[in-house]
Amino acid sequence: MKRITVKHIAATIVAASALGAMSLPAVADDQFVPLLAYRTGSFAPLGIPWADGKMDYLKLVNARGGVNGVKITYEECETSYATDRGVECYERLKGHAPTGASAFDPQSTGITFAVSDKAPGDKESILTVGYGLSQSTDGSVFPWNFPLLGTYWTAADVMIQDIAKREGGMDKLKGKKIALVYHDSPYGKEPIALLQERAKKEGFELLLYPVTAPGVEQKSTWLQIRQSKPNYVLLWSAGIMTPTALREAQATGYPRDKMYGIWWAASEGDVKDLGAVAKGYNAVTIHNTAGRGKVHDELKTLVYDKGQGSDTNGTTVGTIAHTRGMVISMLTVEAIRTAQEKFGKGKSMTTEQVRWGLENLNLTQERLNEIGFGELMRPVKTSCSNHTGDDWARIIQWDGSKFEIKPDWYRSDASIITPLVKDAAAKYAKDKNLTPVNCEG
């Protein structure tokens, strides 16, 4: 059968609507990667550049010649961030020819919860870069879940560490008030366990303010914040909820430089229209994904200069969300490459082989430099017992026109995170009647 490549269907890709499902036809030697997306709905401002980035990196890999010659085929499936639609996409794409789905990035904590029980039986990896079930770091209980680079517990812990640094040390948090304004969903509730543990240990008071989706009505929340006067506010939002929170903070006089957003509330699309209103707003970023790397230059040369880019409006490339999308696809591709090193270079990999690749990633600085991510990430290594790898993060701050990257690097405090992971994973295993994998041999 004649191989069909990106080059042969470039005209189709250029002409296709950004909202439509886009796919490349699979042939016997290719590798299929599903692309769940939410280009519609209240989270679309985040979802569009994220989806563009995931697709763009796969196009770049094909333009480079594939993974040791194996071309990537893909299909995008719109979820609108709805759990039922996400499950439908999962069910439709999990058996896609020729390899099955290499790894699913659900792009939603709710969808992740819904498909995690299905994944072991389907032999499908669930890849959640910076989100999902925080306890799935424990690969002995969650052999098919990979919360690579960091979890919501990572992010919450890094926020507390940066606040402590500003205050002059962890001991200075005693007696302080820290509020969590969160999307009232599984996504928004994920950091609560970590923050409760930190509050108990450091002696600060944790105030919880749930916000009903989609988050356009927050006046009562911010009036409560004006009354309670927290020293800092942590914002667990996405989509329209983020600019709404920042506007309400201004309206009630809460200083934006005392606010910290999760990485999904920290893209240019969240703040660019606010300008000076959001000035001082802090956020946590996965590794250094607010920066730019050589991969951006290569993407321009090999994909966009040839009219094959996913960002047809020319507004998302180089944004934080687009870059994170590329990182997600890069991790999938590197898992496939790692699997090939063991199971056969130049061959398409089964879903079980790709799972092995995700569990045995070793992205050295040399390798990151080679693929253009050397400026965007620090080295990452996974194992059977650690499906997150190295959870580096940085703080960024909006200066009124752009995000500035603060110099400090942070990692989550293992003395806090590890017991939480172990306890929550053990409870999950007991509730689901699972026998953990033996990671020692």
Protein backbone atom coordinates (compact mmCIF):
# COMPACT_ATOMS: atom_id res chain seq x y z
CA MET A 1 0.00 0.00 0.00
CA LYS A 2 1.28 3.43 -0.84
CA ARG A 3 2.19 5.49 2.24
CA ILE A 4 0.10 8.61 2.68
CA THR A 5 1.97 11.43 4.39
CA VAL A 6 1.33 14.95 5.62
CA LYS A 7 2.83 16.26 2.39
CA HIS A 8 0.29 14.43 0.26
CA ILE A 9 -2.67 15.88 2.12
CA ALA A 10 -1.35 19.33 3.03
CA ALA A 11 -4.07 21.04 1.03
CA THR A 12 -6.73 19.17 2.97
CA ILE A 13 -5.23 20.16 6.30
CA VAL A 14 -4.98 23.83 5.36
CA ALA A 15 -8.58 23.90 4.17
CA ALA A 16 -10.08 22.06 7.15
CA SER A 17 -11.99 23.99 9.78
CA ALA A 18 -10.22 24.48 13.10
CA LEU A 19 -13.34 23.18 14.84
CA GLY A 20 -13.64 20.01 12.80
CA ALA A 21 -12.10 16.65 13.55
CA MET A 22 -8.85 16.31 11.63
CA SER A 23 -7.16 13.04 10.91
CA LEU A 24 -4.45 11.39 8.90
CA PRO A 25 -5.20 7.99 7.37
CA ALA A 26 -3.40 5.12 9.03
CA VAL A 27 -1.36 2.56 7.12
CA ALA A 28 0.20 -0.65 8.31
CA ASP A 29 3.52 0.74 9.53
CA ASP A 30 2.22 3.93 11.15
CA GLN A 31 1.60 4.81 14.81
CA PHE A 32 -1.76 6.20 15.90
CA VAL A 33 -2.08 8.99 18.48
CA PRO A 34 -5.56 10.18 19.57
CA LEU A 35 -6.06 13.91 20.17
CA LEU A 36 -8.90 14.73 22.55
CA ALA A 37 -9.65 18.45 22.46
CA TYR A 38 -12.06 21.14 23.59
CA ARG A 39 -12.14 23.85 20.97
CA THR A 40 -15.71 24.72 22.00
CA GLY A 41 -17.33 25.52 25.33
CA SER A 42 -16.35 27.78 28.23
CA PHE A 43 -12.78 26.43 28.34
CA ALA A 44 -12.12 26.98 24.62
CA PRO A 45 -9.69 29.93 25.14
CA LEU A 46 -7.35 27.42 26.78
CA GLY A 47 -8.35 24.39 24.75
CA ILE A 48 -7.73 25.84 21.28
CA PRO A 49 -4.00 26.64 21.68
CA TRP A 50 -3.52 23.45 23.69
CA ALA A 51 -5.03 21.38 20.86
CA ASP A 52 -3.03 23.29 18.23
CA GLY A 53 0.20 22.59 20.10
CA LYS A 54 -0.48 18.86 20.41
CA MET A 55 -1.27 18.55 16.72
CA ASP A 56 1.58 20.81 15.58
CA TYR A 57 4.26 18.74 17.29
CA LEU A 58 3.02 15.57 15.63
CA LYS A 59 3.20 17.37 12.28
CA LEU A 60 6.75 18.42 13.11
CA VAL A 61 7.73 14.85 13.98
CA ASN A 62 6.38 13.67 10.62
CA ALA A 63 8.22 16.49 8.85
CA ARG A 64 11.41 15.28 10.54
CA GLY A 65 10.79 11.81 9.15
CA GLY A 66 8.73 10.25 11.90
CA VAL A 67 9.92 8.14 14.83
CA ASN A 68 12.83 6.24 13.34
CA GLY A 69 10.89 6.33 10.08
CA VAL A 70 7.49 5.45 11.57
CA LYS A 71 4.94 8.13 10.70
CA ILE A 72 2.43 9.39 13.24
CA THR A 73 -1.25 9.31 12.31
CA TYR A 74 -3.79 11.08 14.45
CA GLU A 75 -7.42 12.04 14.83
CA GLU A 76 -8.86 14.88 16.86
CA CYS A 77 -12.08 14.33 18.81
CA GLU A 78 -14.04 17.24 20.32
CA THR A 79 -15.14 16.84 23.94
CA SER A 80 -16.17 20.42 24.85
CA TYR A 81 -14.68 19.43 28.25
CA ALA A 82 -17.79 17.28 28.86
CA THR A 83 -17.06 13.96 30.57
CA ASP A 84 -19.65 11.97 28.61
CA ARG A 85 -18.30 13.25 25.29
CA GLY A 86 -14.76 12.50 26.41
CA VAL A 87 -15.69 8.91 27.22
CA GLU A 88 -17.32 8.60 23.79
CA CYS A 89 -14.09 9.81 22.16
CA TYR A 90 -12.08 7.33 24.23
CA GLU A 91 -14.32 4.41 23.28
CA ARG A 92 -14.26 5.33 19.59
CA LEU A 93 -10.51 5.86 19.31
CA LYS A 94 -9.05 3.23 21.64
CA GLY A 95 -9.05 0.53 18.97
CA HIS A 96 -8.05 2.77 16.08
CA ALA A 97 -5.95 1.12 13.39
CA PRO A 98 -3.19 0.18 13.08
CA THR A 99 -1.85 0.23 16.65
CA GLY A 100 -4.68 1.24 18.92
CA ALA A 101 -4.34 4.56 20.74
CA SER A 102 -0.70 5.06 21.76
CA ALA A 103 -1.72 7.15 24.79
CA PHE A 104 -4.74 9.26 25.70
CA ASP A 105 -4.39 12.83 26.96
CA PRO A 106 -8.00 13.38 28.15
CA GLN A 107 -7.46 17.13 28.70
CA SER A 108 -9.91 16.94 31.61
CA THR A 109 -9.72 15.69 35.17
CA GLY A 110 -13.33 14.52 34.96
CA ILE A 111 -12.68 12.50 31.81
CA THR A 112 -9.52 11.11 33.41
CA PHE A 113 -11.52 9.88 36.40
CA ALA A 114 -14.06 8.29 34.05
CA VAL A 115 -11.59 6.36 31.88
CA SER A 116 -8.96 5.40 34.46
CA ASP A 117 -10.95 2.33 35.53
CA LYS A 118 -11.30 1.29 31.89
CA ALA A 119 -7.65 1.76 30.94
CA PRO A 120 -6.12 -1.41 32.47
CA GLY A 121 -8.64 -3.69 30.77
CA ASP A 122 -8.28 -1.83 27.48
CA LYS A 123 -4.48 -1.67 27.84
CA GLU A 124 -4.52 2.07 27.16
CA SER A 125 -2.19 4.58 28.81
CA ILE A 126 -3.73 7.73 30.28
CA LEU A 127 -1.28 10.62 29.98
CA THR A 128 -2.10 13.58 32.26
CA VAL A 129 0.67 16.20 32.13
CA GLY A 130 0.03 18.51 35.06
CA TYR A 131 -3.44 17.27 36.00
CA GLY A 132 -5.54 14.17 36.66
CA LEU A 133 -5.38 11.98 39.75
CA SER A 134 -2.50 13.20 41.91
CA GLN A 135 -2.10 9.79 43.58
CA SER A 136 -1.54 8.15 40.17
CA THR A 137 2.13 9.05 40.59
CA ASP A 138 2.26 5.63 42.27
CA GLY A 139 2.71 3.33 39.28
CA SER A 140 2.35 0.20 41.42
CA VAL A 141 -1.37 1.01 41.82
CA PHE A 142 -1.86 2.97 38.59
CA PRO A 143 0.26 1.12 35.99
CA TRP A 144 -1.65 2.75 33.09
CA ASN A 145 -1.78 6.33 34.41
CA PHE A 146 1.07 8.78 33.83
CA PRO A 147 0.76 12.24 35.47
CA LEU A 148 4.06 13.28 33.91
CA LEU A 149 6.05 16.38 34.97
CA GLY A 150 3.76 17.27 37.87
CA THR A 151 0.35 16.96 39.50
CA TYR A 152 -2.03 19.40 41.16
CA TRP A 153 -0.34 18.53 44.43
CA THR A 154 2.95 19.62 42.85
CA ALA A 155 1.43 22.94 41.83
CA ALA A 156 -0.21 23.65 45.18
CA ASP A 157 2.97 22.82 47.07
CA VAL A 158 5.07 25.07 44.83
CA MET A 159 2.64 27.95 45.39
CA ILE A 160 2.97 27.53 49.17
CA GLN A 161 6.76 27.38 48.87
CA ASP A 162 6.86 30.63 46.88
CA ILE A 163 4.52 32.36 49.32
CA ALA A 164 6.72 31.20 52.20
CA LYS A 165 9.78 32.61 50.46
CA ARG A 166 8.04 35.97 50.08
CA GLU A 167 7.11 35.94 53.76
CA GLY A 168 10.63 35.04 54.92
CA GLY A 169 10.27 31.31 55.60
CA MET A 170 7.75 28.54 56.21
CA ASP A 171 7.54 29.47 59.90
CA LYS A 172 6.17 32.87 58.87
CA LEU A 173 3.01 31.24 57.45
CA LYS A 174 1.70 30.49 60.94
CA GLY A 175 -1.44 32.50 61.59
CA LYS A 176 -1.82 33.58 57.96
CA LYS A 177 -4.97 33.04 55.89
CA ILE A 178 -4.72 31.42 52.45
CA ALA A 179 -7.86 31.10 50.34
CA LEU A 180 -8.53 28.64 47.54
CA VAL A 181 -11.02 29.86 44.93
CA TYR A 182 -11.73 26.76 42.89
CA HIS A 183 -13.85 25.44 40.05
CA ASP A 184 -16.42 23.24 41.78
CA SER A 185 -15.49 20.05 39.93
CA PRO A 186 -13.02 17.17 40.32
CA TYR A 187 -10.42 19.45 38.70
CA GLY A 188 -10.88 22.24 41.23
CA LYS A 189 -11.02 19.94 44.25
CA GLU A 190 -7.74 18.12 43.52
CA PRO A 191 -5.38 20.47 45.45
CA ILE A 192 -7.48 20.51 48.64
CA ALA A 193 -5.87 17.45 50.26
CA LEU A 194 -2.36 18.87 49.81
CA LEU A 195 -3.35 22.32 51.06
CA GLN A 196 -5.05 20.84 54.12
CA GLU A 197 -1.88 18.92 54.93
CA ARG A 198 0.26 22.02 54.46
CA ALA A 199 -2.12 24.12 56.58
CA LYS A 200 -1.90 21.57 59.40
CA LYS A 201 1.89 21.47 59.22
CA GLU A 202 2.60 25.19 58.77
CA GLY A 203 -0.21 26.59 60.89
CA PHE A 204 -2.05 28.74 58.36
CA GLU A 205 -5.82 28.87 57.97
CA LEU A 206 -7.17 27.46 54.71
CA LEU A 207 -10.34 29.09 53.36
CA LEU A 208 -12.28 27.25 50.64
CA TYR A 209 -14.47 29.03 48.08
CA PRO A 210 -16.07 26.79 45.42
CA VAL A 211 -17.31 28.48 42.25
CA THR A 212 -20.06 26.92 40.16
CA ALA A 213 -19.14 26.20 36.54
CA PRO A 214 -18.50 27.91 34.21
CA GLY A 215 -17.44 30.58 36.69
CA VAL A 216 -18.99 33.72 35.26
CA GLU A 217 -20.75 34.57 38.54
CA GLN A 218 -18.25 35.22 41.33
CA LYS A 219 -19.45 38.43 42.99
CA SER A 220 -20.55 36.73 46.20
CA THR A 221 -17.26 34.83 46.41
CA TRP A 222 -15.18 37.97 46.21
CA LEU A 223 -17.39 39.82 48.67
CA GLN A 224 -16.66 36.97 51.11
CA ILE A 225 -12.97 37.35 50.36
CA ARG A 226 -13.18 41.08 51.06
CA GLN A 227 -14.68 40.25 54.45
CA SER A 228 -12.28 37.43 55.38
CA LYS A 229 -9.17 39.31 54.15
CA PRO A 230 -6.93 36.34 53.24
CA ASN A 231 -3.23 37.09 52.89
CA TYR A 232 -3.11 35.18 49.61
CA VAL A 233 -5.60 33.70 47.15
CA LEU A 234 -4.90 30.55 45.13
CA LEU A 235 -6.98 30.37 41.94
CA TRP A 236 -7.92 26.94 40.53
CA SER A 237 -9.77 28.00 37.40
CA ALA A 238 -9.75 27.65 33.64
CA GLY A 239 -11.38 29.35 30.68
CA ILE A 240 -13.71 32.24 31.39
CA MET A 241 -13.48 31.74 35.15
CA THR A 242 -9.94 33.17 35.21
CA PRO A 243 -10.49 36.68 33.78
CA THR A 244 -13.76 36.87 35.72
CA ALA A 245 -11.87 36.23 38.98
CA LEU A 246 -9.25 38.86 38.16
CA ARG A 247 -11.90 41.46 37.35
CA GLU A 248 -13.77 40.71 40.56
CA ALA A 249 -10.51 40.93 42.52
CA GLN A 250 -9.97 44.40 41.10
CA ALA A 251 -13.57 45.41 41.83
CA THR A 252 -13.26 44.38 45.48
CA GLY A 253 -9.77 45.80 45.89
CA TYR A 254 -7.93 42.51 46.30
CA PRO A 255 -4.29 42.89 45.14
CA ARG A 256 -3.48 40.75 42.11
CA ASP A 257 0.12 40.31 43.25
CA LYS A 258 -1.26 38.29 46.17
CA MET A 259 -2.99 35.89 43.78
CA TYR A 260 -1.52 32.62 42.44
CA GLY A 261 -3.10 30.74 39.54
CA ILE A 262 -2.76 27.09 38.57
CA TRP A 263 -1.00 26.51 35.23
CA TRP A 264 -4.34 26.13 33.41
CA ALA A 265 -5.21 29.65 34.56
CA ALA A 266 -1.94 31.05 33.29
CA SER A 267 -2.00 31.43 29.53
CA GLU A 268 -1.79 34.68 27.66
CA GLY A 269 -5.39 34.25 26.58
CA ASP A 270 -6.47 34.46 30.23
CA VAL A 271 -4.98 37.90 30.84
CA LYS A 272 -4.08 39.70 27.61
CA ASP A 273 -7.45 41.44 27.33
CA LEU A 274 -7.19 42.54 30.98
CA GLY A 275 -3.82 44.24 30.58
CA ALA A 276 -3.05 46.31 33.66
CA VAL A 277 -6.09 44.92 35.52
CA ALA A 278 -4.19 41.65 35.96
CA LYS A 279 -0.78 43.23 36.60
CA GLY A 280 1.09 41.41 39.36
CA TYR A 281 -0.89 38.17 38.96
CA ASN A 282 1.31 35.15 39.72
CA ALA A 283 0.99 31.63 38.36
CA VAL A 284 2.86 28.36 38.45
CA THR A 285 4.19 26.86 35.22
CA ILE A 286 5.19 23.26 34.45
CA HIS A 287 8.98 23.18 34.17
CA ASN A 288 9.76 26.27 32.01
CA THR A 289 6.90 26.08 29.53
CA ALA A 290 6.46 29.85 29.59
CA GLY A 291 9.77 30.11 27.73
CA ARG A 292 10.70 29.58 24.10
CA GLY A 293 12.97 26.90 22.67
CA LYS A 294 14.58 25.77 19.45
CA VAL A 295 11.54 23.61 18.79
CA HIS A 296 9.61 26.81 17.99
CA ASP A 297 12.11 27.73 15.28
CA GLU A 298 11.99 24.26 13.79
CA LEU A 299 8.19 24.26 13.85
CA LYS A 300 8.17 27.48 11.86
CA THR A 301 10.64 26.20 9.27
CA LEU A 302 9.30 22.68 8.75
CA VAL A 303 5.57 23.17 9.33
CA TYR A 304 4.32 26.76 9.28
CA ASP A 305 6.48 28.04 6.43
CA LYS A 306 4.99 25.21 4.37
CA GLY A 307 1.42 26.21 5.21
CA GLN A 308 0.74 23.13 7.33
CA GLY A 309 0.36 24.70 10.79
CA SER A 310 -2.71 24.11 12.94
CA ASP A 311 -2.88 27.72 14.14
CA THR A 312 -4.63 29.14 11.08
CA ASN A 313 -5.15 32.54 12.74
CA GLY A 314 -1.50 32.96 13.69
CA THR A 315 -2.25 33.72 17.34
CA THR A 316 -1.41 30.64 19.41
CA VAL A 317 2.14 29.52 18.47
CA GLY A 318 4.58 30.53 21.19
CA THR A 319 1.85 30.97 23.81
CA ILE A 320 2.14 29.01 27.03
CA ALA A 321 -0.84 26.76 26.24
CA HIS A 322 0.46 25.94 22.75
CA THR A 323 3.89 25.10 24.11
CA ARG A 324 2.40 22.82 26.75
CA GLY A 325 0.43 21.09 24.02
CA MET A 326 3.69 20.43 22.19
CA VAL A 327 5.26 19.10 25.38
CA ILE A 328 2.40 16.60 25.79
CA SER A 329 2.83 15.25 22.26
CA MET A 330 6.61 15.24 22.67
CA LEU A 331 6.31 13.01 25.74
CA THR A 332 4.07 10.61 23.81
CA VAL A 333 6.50 10.51 20.91
CA GLU A 334 9.49 9.98 23.21
CA ALA A 335 7.66 7.10 24.88
CA ILE A 336 7.17 5.53 21.45
CA ARG A 337 10.85 6.10 20.68
CA THR A 338 11.88 4.61 24.03
CA ALA A 339 9.69 1.57 23.35
CA GLN A 340 11.33 1.15 19.95
CA GLU A 341 14.75 1.02 21.60
CA LYS A 342 13.61 -2.14 23.40
CA PHE A 343 11.11 -3.70 21.00
CA GLY A 344 12.39 -2.74 17.57
CA LYS A 345 13.49 0.48 15.87
CA GLY A 346 11.46 1.50 12.87
CA LYS A 347 8.45 -0.54 13.96
CA SER A 348 5.04 0.61 15.16
CA MET A 349 4.52 -0.14 18.85
CA THR A 350 1.58 -1.79 20.59
CA THR A 351 -0.19 0.04 23.41
CA GLU A 352 1.53 -2.22 25.96
CA GLN A 353 4.92 -1.40 24.47
CA VAL A 354 4.19 2.33 24.57
CA ARG A 355 3.17 1.94 28.23
CA TRP A 356 6.59 0.42 28.88
CA GLY A 357 8.14 3.42 27.11
CA LEU A 358 6.24 5.87 29.33
CA GLU A 359 7.39 4.00 32.43
CA ASN A 360 11.02 4.00 31.28
CA LEU A 361 11.43 7.54 29.97
CA ASN A 362 14.86 9.05 30.48
CA LEU A 363 14.92 12.48 28.89
CA THR A 364 18.44 13.71 29.53
CA GLN A 365 19.52 17.30 28.94
CA GLU A 366 21.31 16.09 25.81
CA ARG A 367 18.12 14.54 24.45
CA LEU A 368 16.03 17.60 25.32
CA ASN A 369 18.54 19.81 23.51
CA GLU A 370 18.46 17.51 20.49
CA ILE A 371 14.68 17.76 20.08
CA GLY A 372 14.51 21.49 20.83
CA PHE A 373 13.11 21.44 24.39
CA GLY A 374 16.37 22.10 26.25
CA GLU A 375 15.29 25.60 27.28
CA LEU A 376 11.75 24.51 28.21
CA MET A 377 12.33 21.55 30.50
CA ARG A 378 14.74 19.96 32.91
CA PRO A 379 15.64 16.26 32.59
CA VAL A 380 12.87 13.80 33.42
CA LYS A 381 13.11 10.14 34.35
CA THR A 382 10.21 7.83 35.19
CA SER A 383 10.04 4.39 36.79
CA CYS A 384 7.55 1.74 37.83
CA SER A 385 7.05 3.39 41.22
CA ASN A 386 7.19 6.99 39.97
CA HIS A 387 4.93 7.77 37.01
CA THR A 388 5.38 11.53 37.38
CA GLY A 389 9.12 11.74 37.02
CA ASP A 390 10.79 15.02 37.96
CA ASP A 391 8.21 17.68 38.85
CA TRP A 392 10.07 20.95 38.37
CA ALA A 393 8.09 24.18 38.26
CA ARG A 394 8.60 27.95 38.13
CA ILE A 395 6.54 31.02 38.99
CA ILE A 396 5.56 33.51 36.31
CA GLN A 397 4.10 36.99 36.82
CA TRP A 398 2.00 39.14 34.50
CA ASP A 399 3.53 42.61 34.06
CA GLY A 400 0.54 44.10 32.26
CA SER A 401 1.57 43.00 28.78
CA LYS A 402 3.46 39.72 29.14
CA PHE A 403 4.41 37.01 31.60
CA GLU A 404 7.83 37.37 33.22
CA ILE A 405 9.55 34.20 34.39
CA LYS A 406 10.88 34.35 37.94
CA PRO A 407 14.35 32.84 38.34
CA ASP A 408 13.69 30.31 41.11
CA TRP A 409 13.12 26.63 40.35
CA TYR A 410 10.92 24.60 42.68
CA ARG A 411 10.08 20.96 43.24
CA SER A 412 7.33 19.61 45.45
CA ASP A 413 8.38 18.66 48.97
CA ALA A 414 8.66 14.87 48.95
CA SER A 415 8.19 14.72 52.73
CA ILE A 416 4.68 16.13 52.18
CA ILE A 417 3.77 14.66 48.79
CA THR A 418 5.00 11.06 49.11
CA PRO A 419 2.88 10.09 52.14
CA LEU A 420 -0.19 11.67 50.52
CA VAL A 421 0.41 9.72 47.32
CA LYS A 422 0.98 6.44 49.15
CA ASP A 423 -2.06 6.81 51.40
CA ALA A 424 -4.42 7.87 48.60
CA ALA A 425 -3.11 5.16 46.24
CA ALA A 426 -3.50 2.48 48.93
CA LYS A 427 -7.08 3.60 49.58
CA TYR A 428 -7.81 3.52 45.84
CA ALA A 429 -6.39 -0.02 45.58
CA LYS A 430 -8.49 -1.17 48.54
CA ASP A 431 -11.68 0.45 47.24
CA LYS A 432 -11.18 -1.05 43.76
CA ASN A 433 -9.92 -4.40 45.07
CA LEU A 434 -6.66 -4.02 43.15
CA THR A 435 -3.41 -5.87 43.77
CA PRO A 436 -0.49 -3.42 43.37
CA VAL A 437 2.27 -4.26 40.91
CA ASN A 438 5.59 -5.33 42.45
CA CYS A 439 7.99 -2.59 41.35
CA GLU A 440 11.00 -4.19 43.00
CA GLY A 441 11.50 -7.03 40.60
